Amino acid sequence: MLRIALLAVSLALLAPQVSFAQSIEGVWRLVEREVQGGSNPRMESGSLIQPGLFILTEGHFAYLIDNGTEHRSAVQEATDAQIVESINPLAFAAGTYQFDGSTLRYVRVTAINPFAILPENQPQVRQVERLTANRLETSATNANGVKTILKYNRVE
């Protein structure tokens, strides 16, 4: 009987934490990228990580991530080849999403990479590893078993 009472009290105390789950909506800044497995496992953070923003509103998203290895700098003039080279590491997409509490599914309506919006490349799926008031961590594992974890801090 004491066990049942303790269980009931425990559930009552935990229930408010479950019902007040953190909202995934907001503006998130990429602060760390972790790659597990493959030929180049690594952790990128601090000065090693390039800028990135992830914006989630009610049912819509947009992200822009610089996957490059060197910081970008402003230039007065550039050749077409230099422009293409500077755009190559960018990942941009916007569209709609669904979040079921553990999985994010994006349907990209527009993207810098035209192949990203093809029906066979939809939806893009990421697992939510962590969601708190100020932290979002998502992961995806590719066909080769390489897992990439993106870690964001809430900006707004």
Protein backbone atom coordinates (compact mmCIF):
# COMPACT_ATOMS: atom_id res chain seq x y z
CA MET A 1 0.00 0.00 0.00
CA LEU A 2 2.88 2.35 0.82
CA ARG A 3 4.41 1.65 -2.61
CA ILE A 4 1.18 2.57 -4.36
CA ALA A 5 0.93 5.80 -2.36
CA LEU A 6 4.55 6.70 -3.19
CA LEU A 7 3.94 5.94 -6.86
CA ALA A 8 0.82 8.13 -6.90
CA VAL A 9 2.66 11.03 -5.23
CA SER A 10 5.60 10.64 -7.62
CA LEU A 11 3.32 10.70 -10.66
CA ALA A 12 1.48 13.73 -9.34
CA LEU A 13 4.75 15.61 -8.87
CA LEU A 14 6.06 14.65 -12.30
CA ALA A 15 2.85 15.33 -14.23
CA PRO A 16 3.28 19.13 -14.37
CA GLN A 17 6.76 18.71 -15.88
CA VAL A 18 5.38 16.55 -18.66
CA SER A 19 2.42 18.81 -19.39
CA PHE A 20 4.60 21.92 -19.67
CA ALA A 21 6.88 20.53 -22.39
CA GLN A 22 9.20 23.07 -23.99
CA SER A 23 8.11 24.65 -27.24
CA ILE A 24 10.29 23.96 -30.22
CA GLU A 25 9.10 27.19 -31.85
CA GLY A 26 11.64 29.97 -31.83
CA VAL A 27 14.91 31.15 -33.33
CA TRP A 28 17.87 28.86 -32.70
CA ARG A 29 21.58 29.57 -33.31
CA LEU A 30 23.85 26.67 -34.24
CA VAL A 31 26.61 26.42 -31.63
CA GLU A 32 28.01 22.93 -32.08
CA ARG A 33 28.13 20.14 -34.66
CA GLU A 34 29.19 16.61 -33.71
CA VAL A 35 29.91 13.96 -36.33
CA GLN A 36 30.08 10.39 -35.03
CA GLY A 37 31.52 7.62 -37.18
CA GLY A 38 32.79 7.65 -40.73
CA SER A 39 36.25 8.73 -41.87
CA ASN A 40 36.14 12.16 -40.21
CA PRO A 41 34.49 12.04 -36.76
CA ARG A 42 34.75 15.44 -35.12
CA MET A 43 33.32 18.08 -32.82
CA GLU A 44 32.97 21.62 -34.15
CA SER A 45 32.25 24.42 -31.71
CA GLY A 46 33.50 27.86 -30.73
CA SER A 47 35.66 29.35 -33.48
CA LEU A 48 35.53 26.09 -35.47
CA ILE A 49 31.81 26.27 -36.19
CA GLN A 50 30.38 28.38 -38.95
CA PRO A 51 27.21 30.45 -38.43
CA GLY A 52 23.77 28.94 -38.68
CA LEU A 53 20.18 29.85 -37.80
CA PHE A 54 17.13 27.63 -37.51
CA ILE A 55 13.74 29.34 -37.31
CA LEU A 56 10.62 27.41 -36.33
CA THR A 57 7.20 29.04 -36.27
CA GLU A 58 3.80 27.40 -36.08
CA GLY A 59 4.18 24.74 -38.78
CA HIS A 60 6.84 26.55 -40.87
CA PHE A 61 10.63 26.53 -40.76
CA ALA A 62 13.68 28.06 -42.36
CA TYR A 63 17.32 27.27 -41.83
CA LEU A 64 20.60 28.62 -43.12
CA ILE A 65 23.77 26.81 -42.16
CA ASP A 66 27.30 27.41 -43.43
CA ASN A 67 28.91 23.96 -43.68
CA GLY A 68 32.22 25.43 -44.78
CA THR A 69 35.49 24.98 -42.96
CA GLU A 70 36.71 28.57 -43.27
CA HIS A 71 35.09 31.78 -42.12
CA ARG A 72 33.53 33.85 -44.87
CA SER A 73 34.63 37.41 -45.49
CA ALA A 74 33.12 40.25 -47.45
CA VAL A 75 34.65 41.05 -50.83
CA GLN A 76 34.19 44.01 -53.16
CA GLU A 77 34.32 41.98 -56.38
CA ALA A 78 34.25 38.28 -57.21
CA THR A 79 34.37 36.11 -60.30
CA ASP A 80 31.51 33.75 -61.09
CA ALA A 81 33.69 30.84 -59.96
CA GLN A 82 34.40 32.56 -56.63
CA ILE A 83 30.70 33.19 -56.10
CA VAL A 84 29.86 29.54 -56.78
CA GLU A 85 32.66 28.42 -54.46
CA SER A 86 31.36 30.66 -51.69
CA ILE A 87 27.79 29.35 -52.07
CA ASN A 88 28.67 25.63 -52.19
CA PRO A 89 28.97 25.10 -48.41
CA LEU A 90 25.64 26.83 -47.67
CA ALA A 91 22.58 24.82 -46.71
CA PHE A 92 19.34 26.78 -46.93
CA ALA A 93 15.79 25.50 -46.94
CA ALA A 94 12.33 26.66 -45.95
CA GLY A 95 8.96 24.99 -45.86
CA THR A 96 6.64 23.21 -43.48
CA TYR A 97 7.34 20.82 -40.63
CA GLN A 98 5.69 18.45 -38.21
CA PHE A 99 6.97 17.72 -34.72
CA ASP A 100 5.60 14.78 -32.75
CA GLY A 101 7.65 15.33 -29.59
CA SER A 102 10.67 13.30 -30.67
CA THR A 103 10.91 13.59 -34.45
CA LEU A 104 11.03 16.61 -36.77
CA ARG A 105 9.85 16.04 -40.34
CA TYR A 106 10.54 18.86 -42.80
CA VAL A 107 9.00 19.26 -46.21
CA ARG A 108 11.27 21.66 -48.07
CA VAL A 109 9.38 24.00 -50.39
CA THR A 110 12.46 25.98 -51.39
CA ALA A 111 16.15 25.27 -51.00
CA ILE A 112 19.48 26.46 -52.32
CA ASN A 113 20.06 22.87 -53.50
CA PRO A 114 17.36 22.13 -56.11
CA PHE A 115 17.60 18.38 -55.44
CA ALA A 116 16.47 18.94 -51.84
CA ILE A 117 12.94 19.81 -52.95
CA LEU A 118 12.41 16.74 -55.14
CA PRO A 119 9.60 14.47 -53.88
CA GLU A 120 11.99 11.53 -53.38
CA ASN A 121 14.06 13.67 -50.97
CA GLN A 122 11.09 14.54 -48.76
CA PRO A 123 10.64 14.66 -45.88
CA GLN A 124 13.94 15.46 -44.24
CA VAL A 125 13.84 13.75 -40.84
CA ARG A 126 15.80 14.57 -37.67
CA GLN A 127 15.44 13.07 -34.21
CA VAL A 128 15.18 15.50 -31.30
CA GLU A 129 17.82 14.39 -28.82
CA ARG A 130 17.28 17.25 -26.36
CA LEU A 131 14.82 20.13 -26.00
CA THR A 132 14.94 22.55 -23.08
CA ALA A 133 13.99 26.19 -22.71
CA ASN A 134 17.34 27.26 -24.21
CA ARG A 135 18.77 24.20 -25.96
CA LEU A 136 17.78 22.12 -28.99
CA GLU A 137 19.78 19.12 -30.20
CA THR A 138 18.79 17.17 -33.29
CA SER A 139 20.41 14.20 -35.00
CA ALA A 140 20.28 12.25 -38.23
CA THR A 141 22.15 9.13 -39.33
CA ASN A 142 22.98 8.71 -43.01
CA ALA A 143 23.02 5.48 -45.05
CA ASN A 144 26.69 4.93 -44.14
CA GLY A 145 25.90 5.01 -40.41
CA VAL A 146 27.42 8.45 -39.82
CA LYS A 147 25.45 10.35 -37.19
CA THR A 148 25.45 14.16 -37.19
CA ILE A 149 24.19 15.97 -34.11
CA LEU A 150 23.38 19.68 -34.44
CA LYS A 151 23.24 21.65 -31.20
CA TYR A 152 21.47 25.02 -30.99
CA ASN A 153 20.99 27.70 -28.36
CA ARG A 154 17.72 29.65 -28.32
CA VAL A 155 18.10 33.21 -29.55
CA GLU A 156 14.44 34.15 -29.25
